[in-house]
Amino acid sequence: MHIFINEREVGTLDAVGTTVGEMIEALGVHVDPDEIVTSVELDGVRYSAGEEDRYARRAAASVGRLVLGTTTPAAFAADMRGELAAALEIVAAKIERVVELFHRGEDRDANTLLAALLEELRLALVLEHQVTILDGHTARDGADSVAAIAPELLAAQEQRAWAAVSALLDERLGPALRAWAQHQRALAAR
């Protein structure tokens, strides 16, 4: 197996009897202590380092080339903030679609899409929390503005007041998400 860390060749190792996960663990001594492993590439197929369940148990002997991608925590956090901004913009765009469906009286479809986008928003909040732990930038203003809208949105949904739900989404949540996305992009650019 030919092993690289980023573009630097570590060498060739005999990987008989080991798993990819064991090989990665052993290669930790070759990783710059100021960097973290962010990706794993096996014979040209790239995985996020966090997707261990997709590659770690694979027999290492079946891999011809292993590349560990590393970066500094600050650079990784900046990349994640950029991804968070993109995710928030996607959710905001879906809000526009939900509002459109409510205006057309397609309440069932609107609520189905609303449930999906709220789950995506929940995942974005988790990502924001994790990135804040990593880079130390407290960027809760966006999350807090979204959280402030949640009780009103929930109350309107419970009352089946679809016009009120639509107005909250269109006038408050969508703009709050777009502003939060801009703030995340600014943090990523630092």
Protein backbone atom coordinates (compact mmCIF):
# COMPACT_ATOMS: atom_id res chain seq x y z
CA MET A 1 0.00 0.00 0.00
CA HIS A 2 1.34 3.44 -0.99
CA ILE A 3 0.68 5.94 1.80
CA PHE A 4 0.53 9.72 1.59
CA ILE A 5 -0.31 12.49 4.01
CA ASN A 6 -1.66 15.25 1.83
CA GLU A 7 0.87 15.28 -1.04
CA ARG A 8 3.78 13.98 1.03
CA GLU A 9 4.62 10.33 0.47
CA VAL A 10 5.10 8.43 3.73
CA GLY A 11 6.13 5.24 2.01
CA THR A 12 4.93 1.79 1.11
CA LEU A 13 3.74 -0.61 3.78
CA ASP A 14 2.63 -4.20 3.80
CA ALA A 15 -0.91 -4.08 5.15
CA VAL A 16 -1.68 -7.81 5.36
CA GLY A 17 -3.87 -8.67 8.33
CA THR A 18 -4.82 -5.09 9.22
CA THR A 19 -7.82 -2.89 8.60
CA VAL A 20 -7.80 0.58 7.11
CA GLY A 21 -8.79 1.96 10.52
CA GLU A 22 -5.77 0.31 12.14
CA MET A 23 -3.50 1.69 9.44
CA ILE A 24 -4.87 5.20 9.94
CA GLU A 25 -4.37 4.95 13.68
CA ALA A 26 -0.77 3.80 13.21
CA LEU A 27 -0.12 6.67 10.78
CA GLY A 28 -1.04 9.19 13.46
CA VAL A 29 2.64 9.57 14.34
CA HIS A 30 3.24 11.00 10.84
CA VAL A 31 0.51 13.65 11.11
CA ASP A 32 1.64 17.16 12.07
CA PRO A 33 0.56 17.62 15.71
CA ASP A 34 -0.90 21.04 14.82
CA GLU A 35 -3.24 19.49 12.24
CA ILE A 36 -6.23 17.18 12.23
CA VAL A 37 -7.16 14.45 9.78
CA THR A 38 -10.12 15.66 7.74
CA SER A 39 -10.30 13.17 4.91
CA VAL A 40 -9.33 9.64 3.96
CA GLU A 41 -8.84 8.65 0.34
CA LEU A 42 -8.73 5.00 -0.65
CA ASP A 43 -7.68 4.29 -4.23
CA GLY A 44 -9.08 7.63 -5.37
CA VAL A 45 -12.36 7.46 -3.40
CA ARG A 46 -12.50 10.25 -0.83
CA TYR A 47 -14.31 10.05 2.52
CA SER A 48 -14.72 12.53 5.31
CA ALA A 49 -12.61 11.43 8.27
CA GLY A 50 -15.84 11.28 10.27
CA GLU A 51 -17.28 8.58 8.00
CA GLU A 52 -15.24 5.85 9.66
CA ASP A 53 -18.06 3.33 9.36
CA ARG A 54 -17.62 3.47 5.56
CA TYR A 55 -13.93 2.58 5.48
CA ALA A 56 -12.37 1.69 8.86
CA ARG A 57 -13.18 -2.05 8.83
CA ARG A 58 -12.09 -2.58 5.26
CA ALA A 59 -9.11 -4.91 4.81
CA ALA A 60 -6.08 -2.70 4.29
CA ALA A 61 -4.49 -5.26 1.98
CA SER A 62 -7.23 -4.50 -0.59
CA VAL A 63 -6.12 -0.85 -0.83
CA GLY A 64 -3.34 0.22 -3.18
CA ARG A 65 -3.17 3.89 -2.21
CA LEU A 66 -4.13 5.57 1.07
CA VAL A 67 -4.09 9.36 1.38
CA LEU A 68 -4.81 11.14 4.64
CA GLY A 69 -5.91 14.74 4.18
CA THR A 70 -5.04 17.05 7.04
CA THR A 71 -5.54 20.71 7.86
CA THR A 72 -5.28 23.06 10.79
CA PRO A 73 -8.28 23.29 13.11
CA ALA A 74 -8.75 26.95 12.13
CA ALA A 75 -8.82 26.14 8.41
CA PHE A 76 -11.17 23.23 9.02
CA ALA A 77 -13.50 25.45 11.08
CA ALA A 78 -13.48 28.07 8.32
CA ASP A 79 -14.42 25.42 5.75
CA MET A 80 -17.22 24.15 8.00
CA ARG A 81 -18.53 27.71 8.49
CA GLY A 82 -18.66 28.05 4.71
CA GLU A 83 -20.61 24.79 4.50
CA LEU A 84 -22.90 25.97 7.28
CA ALA A 85 -23.59 29.20 5.40
CA ALA A 86 -24.47 27.22 2.27
CA ALA A 87 -26.76 24.92 4.28
CA LEU A 88 -28.55 27.90 5.83
CA GLU A 89 -29.09 29.42 2.40
CA ILE A 90 -30.56 26.14 1.13
CA VAL A 91 -32.96 26.04 4.08
CA ALA A 92 -33.92 29.68 3.40
CA ALA A 93 -34.64 28.81 -0.24
CA LYS A 94 -36.83 25.90 0.88
CA ILE A 95 -38.72 28.31 3.14
CA GLU A 96 -39.63 30.29 0.03
CA ARG A 97 -41.05 27.11 -1.49
CA VAL A 98 -43.04 26.33 1.70
CA VAL A 99 -44.50 29.85 1.68
CA GLU A 100 -45.44 29.42 -1.97
CA LEU A 101 -47.19 26.12 -1.21
CA PHE A 102 -49.12 27.65 1.71
CA HIS A 103 -50.23 30.55 -0.52
CA ARG A 104 -51.55 28.06 -3.07
CA GLY A 105 -53.47 26.21 -0.36
CA GLU A 106 -51.31 23.10 -0.57
CA ASP A 107 -51.04 22.81 3.21
CA ARG A 108 -50.12 19.14 3.33
CA ASP A 109 -47.21 19.51 0.89
CA ALA A 110 -46.11 22.71 2.64
CA ASN A 111 -46.06 20.99 6.02
CA THR A 112 -44.18 18.00 4.63
CA LEU A 113 -41.47 20.25 3.22
CA LEU A 114 -41.50 22.37 6.39
CA ALA A 115 -40.81 19.28 8.52
CA ALA A 116 -37.87 18.34 6.28
CA LEU A 117 -36.35 21.80 6.31
CA LEU A 118 -36.72 22.07 10.08
CA GLU A 119 -34.71 18.85 10.40
CA GLU A 120 -32.05 20.34 8.12
CA LEU A 121 -32.07 23.45 10.31
CA ARG A 122 -31.61 21.29 13.41
CA LEU A 123 -28.55 19.68 11.82
CA ALA A 124 -27.20 23.14 10.93
CA LEU A 125 -27.57 24.18 14.57
CA VAL A 126 -25.61 21.10 15.65
CA LEU A 127 -22.89 21.87 13.09
CA GLU A 128 -22.70 25.48 14.27
CA HIS A 129 -22.30 24.32 17.86
CA GLN A 130 -19.50 21.92 16.93
CA VAL A 131 -17.65 24.51 14.85
CA THR A 132 -17.93 27.02 17.67
CA ILE A 133 -16.27 24.51 19.98
CA LEU A 134 -13.50 24.03 17.42
CA ASP A 135 -12.69 27.65 16.60
CA GLY A 136 -13.95 29.47 19.68
CA HIS A 137 -15.88 32.10 17.72
CA THR A 138 -19.18 32.65 19.46
CA ALA A 139 -21.62 33.19 16.63
CA ARG A 140 -24.81 32.52 18.53
CA ASP A 141 -26.59 35.64 17.30
CA GLY A 142 -27.93 33.73 14.28
CA ALA A 143 -28.90 30.67 16.28
CA ASP A 144 -30.49 32.86 18.94
CA SER A 145 -32.59 34.76 16.40
CA VAL A 146 -33.82 31.48 14.96
CA ALA A 147 -34.55 30.13 18.45
CA ALA A 148 -36.59 33.25 19.25
CA ILE A 149 -38.93 32.54 16.33
CA ALA A 150 -39.44 28.87 17.22
CA PRO A 151 -42.14 29.27 19.95
CA GLU A 152 -44.28 31.49 17.72
CA LEU A 153 -43.88 29.11 14.81
CA LEU A 154 -44.80 26.12 16.95
CA ALA A 155 -47.87 27.90 18.36
CA ALA A 156 -49.07 28.84 14.89
CA GLN A 157 -48.57 25.26 13.69
CA GLU A 158 -50.50 23.84 16.65
CA GLN A 159 -53.37 26.20 15.84
CA ARG A 160 -53.17 25.19 12.20
CA ALA A 161 -52.90 28.90 11.39
CA TRP A 162 -51.16 28.39 8.07
CA ALA A 163 -51.25 32.06 7.11
CA ALA A 164 -49.43 32.91 10.35
CA VAL A 165 -46.93 30.08 9.78
CA SER A 166 -46.33 31.35 6.27
CA ALA A 167 -45.85 34.93 7.49
CA LEU A 168 -43.39 33.87 10.21
CA LEU A 169 -41.40 31.86 7.72
CA ASP A 170 -41.39 34.55 5.04
CA GLU A 171 -40.94 37.65 7.16
CA ARG A 172 -38.76 36.42 10.01
CA LEU A 173 -37.20 32.98 9.67
CA GLY A 174 -36.05 33.29 6.05
CA PRO A 175 -34.39 36.69 6.60
CA ALA A 176 -32.87 35.47 9.91
CA LEU A 177 -31.32 32.47 8.14
CA ARG A 178 -29.91 34.61 5.34
CA ALA A 179 -28.38 37.06 7.85
CA TRP A 180 -26.95 34.16 9.82
CA ALA A 181 -25.46 32.71 6.62
CA GLN A 182 -23.77 36.04 5.86
CA HIS A 183 -22.34 36.13 9.38
CA GLN A 184 -20.98 32.60 8.96
CA ARG A 185 -19.34 33.56 5.66
CA ALA A 186 -17.71 36.56 7.36
CA LEU A 187 -16.34 34.31 10.12
CA ALA A 188 -15.08 31.84 7.52
CA ALA A 189 -13.21 34.62 5.72
CA ARG A 190 -11.23 35.67 8.82
